[in-house]
Amino acid sequence: MRKTEPIEPGNPAAPARTPRTNNPQRTMADILAVATGEFAERGLSGARIDAIADATRTSKRMIYYYFGSKNGLYLAVLESAYQRIRDIEGGLHLEDLAPEEALATLVGFTYDYQLANPDFLRLVANENQHRGEFLAQSASIREMNATAITTLSAICDRGVRAGVFRHGIDALDLHMSISALCVFNVANRHTFSLIFKYDFDDPRAIAQRRASTIDMVMRFVRND
C-alpha cells in the first residue's frame, strides 16, 4: 500500500504552507537532505526534529512515520551518506583504467569529495564520539563499505601483475592512509590555518595539496 501523508488540522493563526506533492520518496529524500545538515552541525543530541520538520514543510509525526524515531532518522542519514560516496566511486569505472591511473583517480576523487562534503566528515566524527554505536546497528553500511576495500584490492592486484606496484600492499591499510591524508584537510582546517596562517581556500593551495596527496600514495605503492 502506498504511504500517504496525514492531513494536519488547520490552524488559522499559522502561516500558510505551500502544498506538498504526495510523493513519499521525494519527501523522505528532502528530510534526509535537511537532517544531514542538522545532525552534522549539532550532533545527535543537539539536532532538533522540529527544525527539520519546519525546513521540509512537513511534521514531526510524518518524520517519525517514515523513520520511526530520531535515532532512526540519524541512522538513515548515516546510511545515505555512506551510500552516496560509494555510489559515486562505483561510477568512476576504475576497472577500465590502468592500475596507476585507477589509483590516482581514486585518491583524487577522495580528496575532492571530502573537501566538497564537510558534513560527511562531521557525521563520521560525531558517530566516532558515539563509539560507532549506530553504525553497529546497520548491516548495510558494513556491506556497502566493503566495496571500497575490494575495489582497492583489485587495483593493487592488477598493479602487481603489471609490475608497477610492489607486493605486500594491504588494501585496508592503504584505504586508511588515503582517508587520513584526504580527511585532514577538512577536519583540521580551522586550527591548522590559524596556527600556521595557511589558507585552505586558496585554489593554488588546494591544487598543490591534492597533487601532493596523490604523489605520496603513488610513491608508497610503486615497485621502484
C-alpha atoms as a PDB file:
ATOM      1  CA  MET A   1       0.000   0.000   0.000  1.00  0.00           C
ATOM      2  CA  ARG A   2       1.337   3.394  -0.916  1.00  0.00           C
ATOM      3  CA  LYS A   3       2.164   5.658   2.010  1.00  0.00           C
ATOM      4  CA  THR A   4       0.219   8.892   2.183  1.00  0.00           C
ATOM      5  CA  GLU A   5       0.803  11.887   4.376  1.00  0.00           C
ATOM      6  CA  PRO A   6      -1.846  12.532   7.066  1.00  0.00           C
ATOM      7  CA  ILE A   7      -3.728  15.782   6.885  1.00  0.00           C
ATOM      8  CA  GLU A   8      -2.975  18.022   9.824  1.00  0.00           C
ATOM      9  CA  PRO A   9      -5.744  20.126  11.399  1.00  0.00           C
ATOM     10  CA  GLY A  10      -5.847  23.662  10.125  1.00  0.00           C
ATOM     11  CA  ASN A  11      -4.521  26.495  12.216  1.00  0.00           C
ATOM     12  CA  PRO A  12      -5.819  29.913  11.146  1.00  0.00           C
ATOM     13  CA  ALA A  13      -3.086  31.664  13.108  1.00  0.00           C
ATOM     14  CA  ALA A  14      -0.278  29.764  11.391  1.00  0.00           C
ATOM     15  CA  PRO A  15       1.232  31.000   8.105  1.00  0.00           C
ATOM     16  CA  ALA A  16       0.035  29.172   5.026  1.00  0.00           C
ATOM     17  CA  ARG A  17       2.361  26.448   3.772  1.00  0.00           C
ATOM     18  CA  THR A  18       2.961  25.632   0.151  1.00  0.00           C
ATOM     19  CA  PRO A  19       1.156  22.355  -0.573  1.00  0.00           C
ATOM     20  CA  ARG A  20       3.496  19.369  -0.809  1.00  0.00           C
ATOM     21  CA  THR A  21       3.109  16.892  -3.620  1.00  0.00           C
ATOM     22  CA  ASN A  22       2.131  13.442  -2.325  1.00  0.00           C
ATOM     23  CA  ASN A  23       5.437  11.770  -3.194  1.00  0.00           C
ATOM     24  CA  PRO A  24       6.789   9.702  -0.281  1.00  0.00           C
ATOM     25  CA  GLN A  25      10.176   9.094  -1.916  1.00  0.00           C
ATOM     26  CA  ARG A  26      10.702  12.793  -2.561  1.00  0.00           C
ATOM     27  CA  THR A  27       9.546  13.661   0.950  1.00  0.00           C
ATOM     28  CA  MET A  28      11.963  11.173   2.502  1.00  0.00           C
ATOM     29  CA  ALA A  29      14.815  12.457   0.324  1.00  0.00           C
ATOM     30  CA  ASP A  30      14.077  16.040   1.391  1.00  0.00           C
ATOM     31  CA  ILE A  31      14.006  15.034   5.044  1.00  0.00           C
ATOM     32  CA  LEU A  32      17.314  13.174   4.725  1.00  0.00           C
ATOM     33  CA  ALA A  33      18.975  16.139   2.998  1.00  0.00           C
ATOM     34  CA  VAL A  34      17.937  18.599   5.700  1.00  0.00           C
ATOM     35  CA  ALA A  35      18.598  16.132   8.522  1.00  0.00           C
ATOM     36  CA  THR A  36      22.126  15.579   7.212  1.00  0.00           C
ATOM     37  CA  GLY A  37      22.953  19.229   7.775  1.00  0.00           C
ATOM     38  CA  GLU A  38      21.182  19.327  11.130  1.00  0.00           C
ATOM     39  CA  PHE A  39      22.954  16.259  12.536  1.00  0.00           C
ATOM     40  CA  ALA A  40      26.304  17.317  11.071  1.00  0.00           C
ATOM     41  CA  GLU A  41      26.055  20.756  12.638  1.00  0.00           C
ATOM     42  CA  ARG A  42      24.545  19.867  16.021  1.00  0.00           C
ATOM     43  CA  GLY A  43      25.219  16.182  16.563  1.00  0.00           C
ATOM     44  CA  LEU A  44      22.636  13.607  17.547  1.00  0.00           C
ATOM     45  CA  SER A  45      21.786  15.121  20.927  1.00  0.00           C
ATOM     46  CA  GLY A  46      21.615  18.718  19.703  1.00  0.00           C
ATOM     47  CA  ALA A  47      19.698  18.152  16.464  1.00  0.00           C
ATOM     48  CA  ARG A  48      16.032  19.175  16.571  1.00  0.00           C
ATOM     49  CA  ILE A  49      13.314  17.290  14.753  1.00  0.00           C
ATOM     50  CA  ASP A  50      11.176  20.453  14.853  1.00  0.00           C
ATOM     51  CA  ALA A  51      13.823  22.303  12.829  1.00  0.00           C
ATOM     52  CA  ILE A  52      13.958  19.504  10.253  1.00  0.00           C
ATOM     53  CA  ALA A  53      10.160  19.446  10.010  1.00  0.00           C
ATOM     54  CA  ASP A  54       9.967  23.215   9.506  1.00  0.00           C
ATOM     55  CA  ALA A  55      12.677  23.223   6.846  1.00  0.00           C
ATOM     56  CA  THR A  56      10.993  20.422   4.881  1.00  0.00           C
ATOM     57  CA  ARG A  57       7.429  21.766   5.253  1.00  0.00           C
ATOM     58  CA  THR A  58       6.314  18.562   6.939  1.00  0.00           C
ATOM     59  CA  SER A  59       5.603  17.481  10.531  1.00  0.00           C
ATOM     60  CA  LYS A  60       7.334  15.616  13.332  1.00  0.00           C
ATOM     61  CA  ARG A  61       4.613  12.994  13.042  1.00  0.00           C
ATOM     62  CA  MET A  62       5.467  12.466   9.387  1.00  0.00           C
ATOM     63  CA  ILE A  63       9.195  12.177  10.112  1.00  0.00           C
ATOM     64  CA  TYR A  64       8.510   9.556  12.768  1.00  0.00           C
ATOM     65  CA  TYR A  65       6.124   7.800  10.374  1.00  0.00           C
ATOM     66  CA  TYR A  66       8.938   7.370   7.832  1.00  0.00           C
ATOM     67  CA  PHE A  67      11.918   6.838  10.147  1.00  0.00           C
ATOM     68  CA  GLY A  68      10.456   5.607  13.422  1.00  0.00           C
ATOM     69  CA  SER A  69      12.360   7.880  15.784  1.00  0.00           C
ATOM     70  CA  LYS A  70      15.081  10.497  15.990  1.00  0.00           C
ATOM     71  CA  ASN A  71      17.654   7.720  16.296  1.00  0.00           C
ATOM     72  CA  GLY A  72      16.119   6.008  13.277  1.00  0.00           C
ATOM     73  CA  LEU A  73      16.448   9.193  11.240  1.00  0.00           C
ATOM     74  CA  TYR A  74      20.059   9.627  12.355  1.00  0.00           C
ATOM     75  CA  LEU A  75      20.900   6.080  11.271  1.00  0.00           C
ATOM     76  CA  ALA A  76      19.172   6.650   7.919  1.00  0.00           C
ATOM     77  CA  VAL A  77      21.276   9.799   7.446  1.00  0.00           C
ATOM     78  CA  LEU A  78      24.465   7.810   8.092  1.00  0.00           C
ATOM     79  CA  GLU A  79      23.426   5.094   5.659  1.00  0.00           C
ATOM     80  CA  SER A  80      22.541   7.655   2.993  1.00  0.00           C
ATOM     81  CA  ALA A  81      25.848   9.489   3.445  1.00  0.00           C
ATOM     82  CA  TYR A  82      27.938   6.356   3.024  1.00  0.00           C
ATOM     83  CA  GLN A  83      25.792   5.118   0.147  1.00  0.00           C
ATOM     84  CA  ARG A  84      26.354   8.349  -1.762  1.00  0.00           C
ATOM     85  CA  ILE A  85      30.148   8.225  -1.705  1.00  0.00           C
ATOM     86  CA  ARG A  86      30.220   4.525  -2.570  1.00  0.00           C
ATOM     87  CA  ASP A  87      27.768   5.047  -5.477  1.00  0.00           C
ATOM     88  CA  ILE A  88      29.918   7.824  -6.943  1.00  0.00           C
ATOM     89  CA  GLU A  89      33.037   5.690  -6.556  1.00  0.00           C
ATOM     90  CA  GLY A  90      31.303   2.929  -8.473  1.00  0.00           C
ATOM     91  CA  GLY A  91      30.652   5.357 -11.308  1.00  0.00           C
ATOM     92  CA  LEU A  92      34.353   6.077 -11.748  1.00  0.00           C
ATOM     93  CA  HIS A  93      34.770   2.785 -13.672  1.00  0.00           C
ATOM     94  CA  LEU A  94      38.217   2.263 -12.195  1.00  0.00           C
ATOM     95  CA  GLU A  95      38.341  -1.258 -13.576  1.00  0.00           C
ATOM     96  CA  ASP A  96      38.608   0.230 -17.069  1.00  0.00           C
ATOM     97  CA  LEU A  97      41.734   2.222 -16.209  1.00  0.00           C
ATOM     98  CA  ALA A  98      45.354   1.131 -15.970  1.00  0.00           C
ATOM     99  CA  PRO A  99      46.338   0.408 -12.324  1.00  0.00           C
ATOM    100  CA  GLU A 100      48.350   3.594 -11.767  1.00  0.00           C
ATOM    101  CA  GLU A 101      45.695   5.779 -13.372  1.00  0.00           C
ATOM    102  CA  ALA A 102      42.951   3.994 -11.431  1.00  0.00           C
ATOM    103  CA  LEU A 103      44.644   4.565  -8.078  1.00  0.00           C
ATOM    104  CA  ALA A 104      45.484   8.193  -8.839  1.00  0.00           C
ATOM    105  CA  THR A 105      41.876   8.755  -9.915  1.00  0.00           C
ATOM    106  CA  LEU A 106      40.542   7.187  -6.716  1.00  0.00           C
ATOM    107  CA  VAL A 107      42.823   9.273  -4.490  1.00  0.00           C
ATOM    108  CA  GLY A 108      41.943  12.451  -6.375  1.00  0.00           C
ATOM    109  CA  PHE A 109      38.241  11.680  -6.093  1.00  0.00           C
ATOM    110  CA  THR A 110      38.531  11.023  -2.351  1.00  0.00           C
ATOM    111  CA  TYR A 111      40.358  14.303  -1.843  1.00  0.00           C
ATOM    112  CA  ASP A 112      37.782  16.250  -3.863  1.00  0.00           C
ATOM    113  CA  TYR A 113      34.791  14.558  -2.224  1.00  0.00           C
ATOM    114  CA  GLN A 114      35.931  15.154   1.329  1.00  0.00           C
ATOM    115  CA  LEU A 115      36.712  18.783   0.526  1.00  0.00           C
ATOM    116  CA  ALA A 116      33.301  19.344  -1.064  1.00  0.00           C
ATOM    117  CA  ASN A 117      31.319  17.466   1.609  1.00  0.00           C
ATOM    118  CA  PRO A 118      32.390  18.596   5.083  1.00  0.00           C
ATOM    119  CA  ASP A 119      29.046  17.468   6.503  1.00  0.00           C
ATOM    120  CA  PHE A 120      30.047  13.877   5.742  1.00  0.00           C
ATOM    121  CA  LEU A 121      33.166  14.208   7.882  1.00  0.00           C
ATOM    122  CA  ARG A 122      31.218  15.864  10.690  1.00  0.00           C
ATOM    123  CA  LEU A 123      28.757  12.965  10.689  1.00  0.00           C
ATOM    124  CA  VAL A 124      31.597  10.458  10.842  1.00  0.00           C
ATOM    125  CA  ALA A 125      33.295  12.399  13.647  1.00  0.00           C
ATOM    126  CA  ASN A 126      30.027  12.541  15.569  1.00  0.00           C
ATOM    127  CA  GLU A 127      29.499   8.805  15.188  1.00  0.00           C
ATOM    128  CA  ASN A 128      33.029   8.212  16.474  1.00  0.00           C
ATOM    129  CA  GLN A 129      32.044  10.139  19.589  1.00  0.00           C
ATOM    130  CA  HIS A 130      29.266   7.568  19.977  1.00  0.00           C
ATOM    131  CA  ARG A 131      31.908   4.824  19.518  1.00  0.00           C
ATOM    132  CA  GLY A 132      30.143   3.556  16.401  1.00  0.00           C
ATOM    133  CA  GLU A 133      27.003   2.686  18.351  1.00  0.00           C
ATOM    134  CA  PHE A 134      24.647   3.398  15.471  1.00  0.00           C
ATOM    135  CA  LEU A 135      26.864   2.109  12.684  1.00  0.00           C
ATOM    136  CA  ALA A 136      26.893  -1.196  14.556  1.00  0.00           C
ATOM    137  CA  GLN A 137      23.131  -1.398  14.054  1.00  0.00           C
ATOM    138  CA  SER A 138      23.398  -1.190  10.263  1.00  0.00           C
ATOM    139  CA  ALA A 139      24.376  -4.219   8.215  1.00  0.00           C
ATOM    140  CA  SER A 140      24.007  -2.214   5.007  1.00  0.00           C
ATOM    141  CA  ILE A 141      26.756   0.262   5.972  1.00  0.00           C
ATOM    142  CA  ARG A 142      29.240  -2.549   6.508  1.00  0.00           C
ATOM    143  CA  GLU A 143      28.240  -4.215   3.256  1.00  0.00           C
ATOM    144  CA  MET A 144      28.396  -1.068   1.109  1.00  0.00           C
ATOM    145  CA  ASN A 145      31.773  -0.024   2.526  1.00  0.00           C
ATOM    146  CA  ALA A 146      33.257  -3.448   1.897  1.00  0.00           C
ATOM    147  CA  THR A 147      33.271  -2.475  -1.788  1.00  0.00           C
ATOM    148  CA  ALA A 148      35.830   0.246  -1.042  1.00  0.00           C
ATOM    149  CA  ILE A 149      38.311  -2.405   0.069  1.00  0.00           C
ATOM    150  CA  THR A 150      37.537  -4.889  -2.705  1.00  0.00           C
ATOM    151  CA  THR A 151      37.921  -2.137  -5.306  1.00  0.00           C
ATOM    152  CA  LEU A 152      41.251  -1.024  -3.892  1.00  0.00           C
ATOM    153  CA  SER A 153      42.444  -4.614  -3.557  1.00  0.00           C
ATOM    154  CA  ALA A 154      41.625  -5.273  -7.209  1.00  0.00           C
ATOM    155  CA  ILE A 155      43.593  -2.191  -8.298  1.00  0.00           C
ATOM    156  CA  CYS A 156      46.604  -3.282  -6.234  1.00  0.00           C
ATOM    157  CA  ASP A 157      46.462  -6.834  -7.599  1.00  0.00           C
ATOM    158  CA  ARG A 158      46.371  -5.547 -11.165  1.00  0.00           C
ATOM    159  CA  GLY A 159      49.266  -3.239 -10.409  1.00  0.00           C
ATOM    160  CA  VAL A 160      51.353  -6.088  -9.003  1.00  0.00           C
ATOM    161  CA  ARG A 161      50.632  -8.255 -12.036  1.00  0.00           C
ATOM    162  CA  ALA A 162      51.612  -5.370 -14.313  1.00  0.00           C
ATOM    163  CA  GLY A 163      54.855  -4.927 -12.398  1.00  0.00           C
ATOM    164  CA  VAL A 164      54.124  -1.312 -11.424  1.00  0.00           C
ATOM    165  CA  PHE A 165      53.057  -1.881  -7.781  1.00  0.00           C
ATOM    166  CA  ARG A 166      55.083  -3.671  -5.139  1.00  0.00           C
ATOM    167  CA  HIS A 167      53.997  -6.883  -3.466  1.00  0.00           C
ATOM    168  CA  GLY A 168      52.542  -6.963   0.026  1.00  0.00           C
ATOM    169  CA  ILE A 169      50.213  -3.940  -0.090  1.00  0.00           C
ATOM    170  CA  ASP A 170      47.340  -4.344   2.353  1.00  0.00           C
ATOM    171  CA  ALA A 171      44.206  -2.790   0.837  1.00  0.00           C
ATOM    172  CA  LEU A 172      42.641  -1.885   4.184  1.00  0.00           C
ATOM    173  CA  ASP A 173      45.845  -0.228   5.385  1.00  0.00           C
ATOM    174  CA  LEU A 174      46.104   1.692   2.121  1.00  0.00           C
ATOM    175  CA  HIS A 175      42.470   2.784   2.394  1.00  0.00           C
ATOM    176  CA  MET A 176      43.130   4.126   5.896  1.00  0.00           C
ATOM    177  CA  SER A 177      46.178   6.039   4.685  1.00  0.00           C
ATOM    178  CA  ILE A 178      44.277   7.600   1.785  1.00  0.00           C
ATOM    179  CA  SER A 179      41.427   8.565   4.099  1.00  0.00           C
ATOM    180  CA  ALA A 180      43.813  10.096   6.627  1.00  0.00           C
ATOM    181  CA  LEU A 181      45.526  12.244   4.019  1.00  0.00           C
ATOM    182  CA  CYS A 182      42.257  13.450   2.499  1.00  0.00           C
ATOM    183  CA  VAL A 183      40.312  13.955   5.724  1.00  0.00           C
ATOM    184  CA  PHE A 184      42.971  16.065   7.449  1.00  0.00           C
ATOM    185  CA  ASN A 185      42.450  18.974   5.061  1.00  0.00           C
ATOM    186  CA  VAL A 186      38.843  19.314   6.158  1.00  0.00           C
ATOM    187  CA  ALA A 187      38.833  18.093   9.755  1.00  0.00           C
ATOM    188  CA  ASN A 188      41.734  20.292  10.860  1.00  0.00           C
ATOM    189  CA  ARG A 189      41.472  23.256   8.540  1.00  0.00           C
ATOM    190  CA  HIS A 190      40.442  25.825  11.145  1.00  0.00           C
ATOM    191  CA  THR A 191      43.063  25.053  13.782  1.00  0.00           C
ATOM    192  CA  PHE A 192      45.813  24.422  11.244  1.00  0.00           C
ATOM    193  CA  SER A 193      45.087  27.616   9.297  1.00  0.00           C
ATOM    194  CA  LEU A 194      45.116  29.719  12.473  1.00  0.00           C
ATOM    195  CA  ILE A 195      48.334  28.218  13.814  1.00  0.00           C
ATOM    196  CA  PHE A 196      50.292  28.243  10.558  1.00  0.00           C
ATOM    197  CA  LYS A 197      48.494  31.022   8.631  1.00  0.00           C
ATOM    198  CA  TYR A 198      47.661  28.545   5.872  1.00  0.00           C
ATOM    199  CA  ASP A 199      44.834  29.495   3.504  1.00  0.00           C
ATOM    200  CA  PHE A 200      42.839  26.342   2.815  1.00  0.00           C
ATOM    201  CA  ASP A 201      40.570  28.233   0.402  1.00  0.00           C
ATOM    202  CA  ASP A 202      43.380  29.309  -1.913  1.00  0.00           C
ATOM    203  CA  PRO A 203      42.847  27.395  -5.212  1.00  0.00           C
ATOM    204  CA  ARG A 204      46.593  27.075  -5.629  1.00  0.00           C
ATOM    205  CA  ALA A 205      46.957  25.572  -2.171  1.00  0.00           C
ATOM    206  CA  ILE A 206      44.089  23.156  -2.833  1.00  0.00           C
ATOM    207  CA  ALA A 207      45.614  22.007  -6.131  1.00  0.00           C
ATOM    208  CA  GLN A 208      49.082  21.690  -4.620  1.00  0.00           C
ATOM    209  CA  ARG A 209      47.875  19.655  -1.663  1.00  0.00           C
ATOM    210  CA  ARG A 210      45.767  17.442  -3.945  1.00  0.00           C
ATOM    211  CA  ALA A 211      48.750  16.712  -6.181  1.00  0.00           C
ATOM    212  CA  SER A 212      50.964  16.086  -3.154  1.00  0.00           C
ATOM    213  CA  THR A 213      48.446  13.645  -1.677  1.00  0.00           C
ATOM    214  CA  ILE A 214      48.247  11.663  -4.907  1.00  0.00           C
ATOM    215  CA  ASP A 215      52.038  11.670  -5.234  1.00  0.00           C
ATOM    216  CA  MET A 216      52.568  10.355  -1.677  1.00  0.00           C
ATOM    217  CA  VAL A 217      50.183   7.462  -2.237  1.00  0.00           C
ATOM    218  CA  MET A 218      51.684   6.588  -5.608  1.00  0.00           C
ATOM    219  CA  ARG A 219      55.234   6.623  -4.208  1.00  0.00           C
ATOM    220  CA  PHE A 220      54.093   4.319  -1.421  1.00  0.00           C
ATOM    221  CA  VAL A 221      52.763   1.616  -3.768  1.00  0.00           C
ATOM    222  CA  ARG A 222      55.171   1.824  -6.703  1.00  0.00           C
ATOM    223  CA  ASN A 223      57.531  -1.020  -7.456  1.00  0.00           C
ATOM    224  CA  ASP A 224      60.721   1.077  -7.647  1.00  0.00           C
END
